[in-house]
Amino acid sequence: MTTQRAPSFDERLTGKPTPTVGGSTYVRPQDMEWKPSQFEGVDIKVLYEDKAAGEMTCLLRWAPGTQLPMHKHAELEQSYVLAGSFSDHDGIARAGEYVWRSKDSLHETYSEEGCVILAIYRKPNIFKNSAGFDAAGGKRIATRRKPA
């Protein structure tokens, strides 16, 4: 019996490579409804999620005056501000700006004017009483207060 080896990546790119059918998933956020997150004042549209790995890419819409309580980043978090602004003790990110937070960093985040951000998580944030953005799990956590 002869075993045929799989072609290498370089071999696949020679000649006439064929695209992987179904390898792209197109998401239309404009057709999705905003859903409440577990945090009062923060709504979410989940664009991608792998619960087993803890990964999530989402749009978050913060009402003016919303503050997330102190939390820890279990992995790298990336945020691109589409509208408005949000801030923490290190600075402020406005529309068109980007901020990333390192693994194990702690902070509170606040939005005076409200904002819409594209957030990319490798693992859910860790809050005192919860993690991630699973609003179905129970009561929403009140967030409307200015930083202490």
Protein backbone atom coordinates (compact mmCIF):
# COMPACT_ATOMS: atom_id res chain seq x y z
CA MET A 1 0.00 0.00 0.00
CA THR A 2 1.38 3.41 -0.99
CA THR A 3 0.77 6.40 1.22
CA GLN A 4 0.43 9.72 -0.57
CA ARG A 5 1.89 12.67 1.31
CA ALA A 6 0.00 15.94 1.58
CA PRO A 7 1.46 18.75 -0.54
CA SER A 8 3.54 21.35 1.30
CA PHE A 9 2.44 24.96 1.57
CA ASP A 10 4.96 25.97 -1.11
CA GLU A 11 3.70 23.22 -3.41
CA ARG A 12 0.12 24.37 -2.89
CA LEU A 13 1.05 27.87 -4.06
CA THR A 14 2.57 26.68 -7.35
CA GLY A 15 0.54 26.09 -10.45
CA LYS A 16 -3.14 26.93 -9.93
CA PRO A 17 -3.91 26.98 -6.22
CA THR A 18 -7.58 26.78 -5.33
CA PRO A 19 -9.15 28.84 -2.56
CA THR A 20 -10.60 27.16 0.50
CA VAL A 21 -14.36 27.18 0.00
CA GLY A 22 -16.04 28.28 3.22
CA GLY A 23 -12.77 29.62 4.67
CA SER A 24 -14.17 33.15 4.96
CA THR A 25 -17.08 34.17 7.15
CA TYR A 26 -18.67 37.50 6.30
CA VAL A 27 -20.46 39.29 9.12
CA ARG A 28 -22.82 42.23 8.63
CA PRO A 29 -22.91 44.17 11.91
CA GLN A 30 -25.37 46.67 10.44
CA ASP A 31 -27.94 43.86 10.26
CA MET A 32 -27.37 42.71 13.86
CA GLU A 33 -29.31 43.96 16.89
CA TRP A 34 -27.47 45.49 19.84
CA LYS A 35 -27.86 43.22 22.86
CA PRO A 36 -27.33 44.15 26.50
CA SER A 37 -24.06 42.99 27.99
CA GLN A 38 -23.79 41.99 31.63
CA PHE A 39 -22.87 45.63 32.34
CA GLU A 40 -25.49 48.35 32.55
CA GLY A 41 -24.84 50.96 29.88
CA VAL A 42 -22.84 48.64 27.60
CA ASP A 43 -24.45 46.92 24.60
CA ILE A 44 -22.73 44.34 22.41
CA LYS A 45 -22.68 42.82 18.95
CA VAL A 46 -20.58 39.64 18.87
CA LEU A 47 -18.76 39.40 15.53
CA TYR A 48 -16.66 36.31 16.32
CA GLU A 49 -16.50 34.02 19.33
CA ASP A 50 -14.68 30.82 20.22
CA LYS A 51 -15.95 30.07 23.73
CA ALA A 52 -13.61 27.10 24.19
CA ALA A 53 -10.56 29.27 23.52
CA GLY A 54 -12.04 32.36 25.24
CA GLU A 55 -11.62 34.48 22.10
CA MET A 56 -14.06 37.19 21.10
CA THR A 57 -14.24 40.06 18.65
CA CYS A 58 -17.16 42.40 19.25
CA LEU A 59 -18.57 45.86 18.92
CA LEU A 60 -19.33 47.54 22.24
CA ARG A 61 -21.58 50.58 22.57
CA TRP A 62 -21.16 52.50 25.81
CA ALA A 63 -23.77 54.98 27.04
CA PRO A 64 -22.41 58.34 28.24
CA GLY A 65 -21.15 58.18 31.82
CA THR A 66 -20.53 54.42 31.84
CA GLN A 67 -17.67 52.96 33.85
CA LEU A 68 -16.56 49.36 33.92
CA PRO A 69 -15.45 48.27 37.38
CA MET A 70 -11.87 47.32 38.16
CA HIS A 71 -10.88 44.25 36.18
CA LYS A 72 -7.88 42.20 35.10
CA HIS A 73 -6.90 41.35 31.55
CA ALA A 74 -6.28 37.60 31.38
CA GLU A 75 -4.64 38.08 27.98
CA LEU A 76 -3.96 40.87 25.50
CA GLU A 77 -6.98 43.10 24.83
CA GLN A 78 -7.20 45.36 21.77
CA SER A 79 -9.67 48.23 21.28
CA TYR A 80 -10.22 50.50 18.28
CA VAL A 81 -12.52 53.48 18.91
CA LEU A 82 -15.06 53.96 16.12
CA ALA A 83 -17.01 56.83 17.75
CA GLY A 84 -16.79 58.83 20.97
CA SER A 85 -14.03 58.16 23.49
CA PHE A 86 -13.13 56.13 26.54
CA SER A 87 -10.37 56.41 29.10
CA ASP A 88 -8.55 54.94 32.06
CA HIS A 89 -5.75 56.04 34.40
CA ASP A 90 -3.19 55.90 31.53
CA GLY A 91 -5.01 58.10 29.02
CA ILE A 92 -7.91 58.58 26.63
CA ALA A 93 -8.64 56.97 23.24
CA ARG A 94 -10.81 58.97 20.83
CA ALA A 95 -12.51 58.06 17.54
CA GLY A 96 -9.92 56.71 15.11
CA GLU A 97 -7.49 55.76 17.89
CA TYR A 98 -6.37 52.37 19.19
CA VAL A 99 -5.30 51.08 22.58
CA TRP A 100 -4.12 47.66 23.71
CA ARG A 101 -3.75 46.36 27.21
CA SER A 102 -1.20 43.82 28.34
CA LYS A 103 -1.85 40.50 30.02
CA ASP A 104 -2.43 40.76 33.79
CA SER A 105 -2.95 44.54 33.71
CA LEU A 106 -5.63 46.02 36.01
CA HIS A 107 -7.79 49.07 35.40
CA GLU A 108 -11.21 50.71 35.38
CA THR A 109 -12.48 52.15 32.10
CA TYR A 110 -14.78 55.16 31.76
CA SER A 111 -16.61 56.92 28.91
CA GLU A 112 -17.79 60.46 29.61
CA GLU A 113 -19.44 60.99 26.22
CA GLY A 114 -20.19 57.38 25.29
CA CYS A 115 -18.44 55.41 22.57
CA VAL A 116 -18.52 52.56 20.11
CA ILE A 117 -15.43 50.37 20.06
CA LEU A 118 -14.22 47.31 18.22
CA ALA A 119 -12.79 45.05 20.94
CA ILE A 120 -10.67 41.94 20.42
CA TYR A 121 -10.18 39.59 23.36
CA ARG A 122 -7.93 36.55 23.55
CA LYS A 123 -9.49 35.63 26.91
CA PRO A 124 -12.40 37.20 28.83
CA ASN A 125 -11.62 39.95 31.30
CA ILE A 126 -11.78 38.93 34.95
CA PHE A 127 -14.10 40.94 37.19
CA LYS A 128 -14.69 40.38 40.88
CA ASN A 129 -18.08 38.75 40.33
CA SER A 130 -17.95 37.63 36.70
CA ALA A 131 -15.95 37.27 33.48
CA GLY A 132 -16.73 38.04 29.87
CA PHE A 133 -19.93 39.46 28.45
CA ASP A 134 -22.59 36.81 29.11
CA ALA A 135 -25.67 38.86 29.99
CA ALA A 136 -27.87 35.75 29.97
CA GLY A 137 -26.21 34.54 33.17
CA GLY A 138 -28.02 36.90 35.50
CA LYS A 139 -28.44 40.41 36.77
CA ARG A 140 -26.74 43.28 35.00
CA ILE A 141 -23.95 44.97 36.92
CA ALA A 142 -24.57 48.70 37.54
CA THR A 143 -21.84 50.82 35.97
CA ARG A 144 -23.07 54.42 35.78
CA ARG A 145 -20.72 56.37 38.01
CA LYS A 146 -17.64 58.47 37.54
CA PRO A 147 -14.26 57.01 38.52
CA ALA A 148 -13.36 57.33 42.19
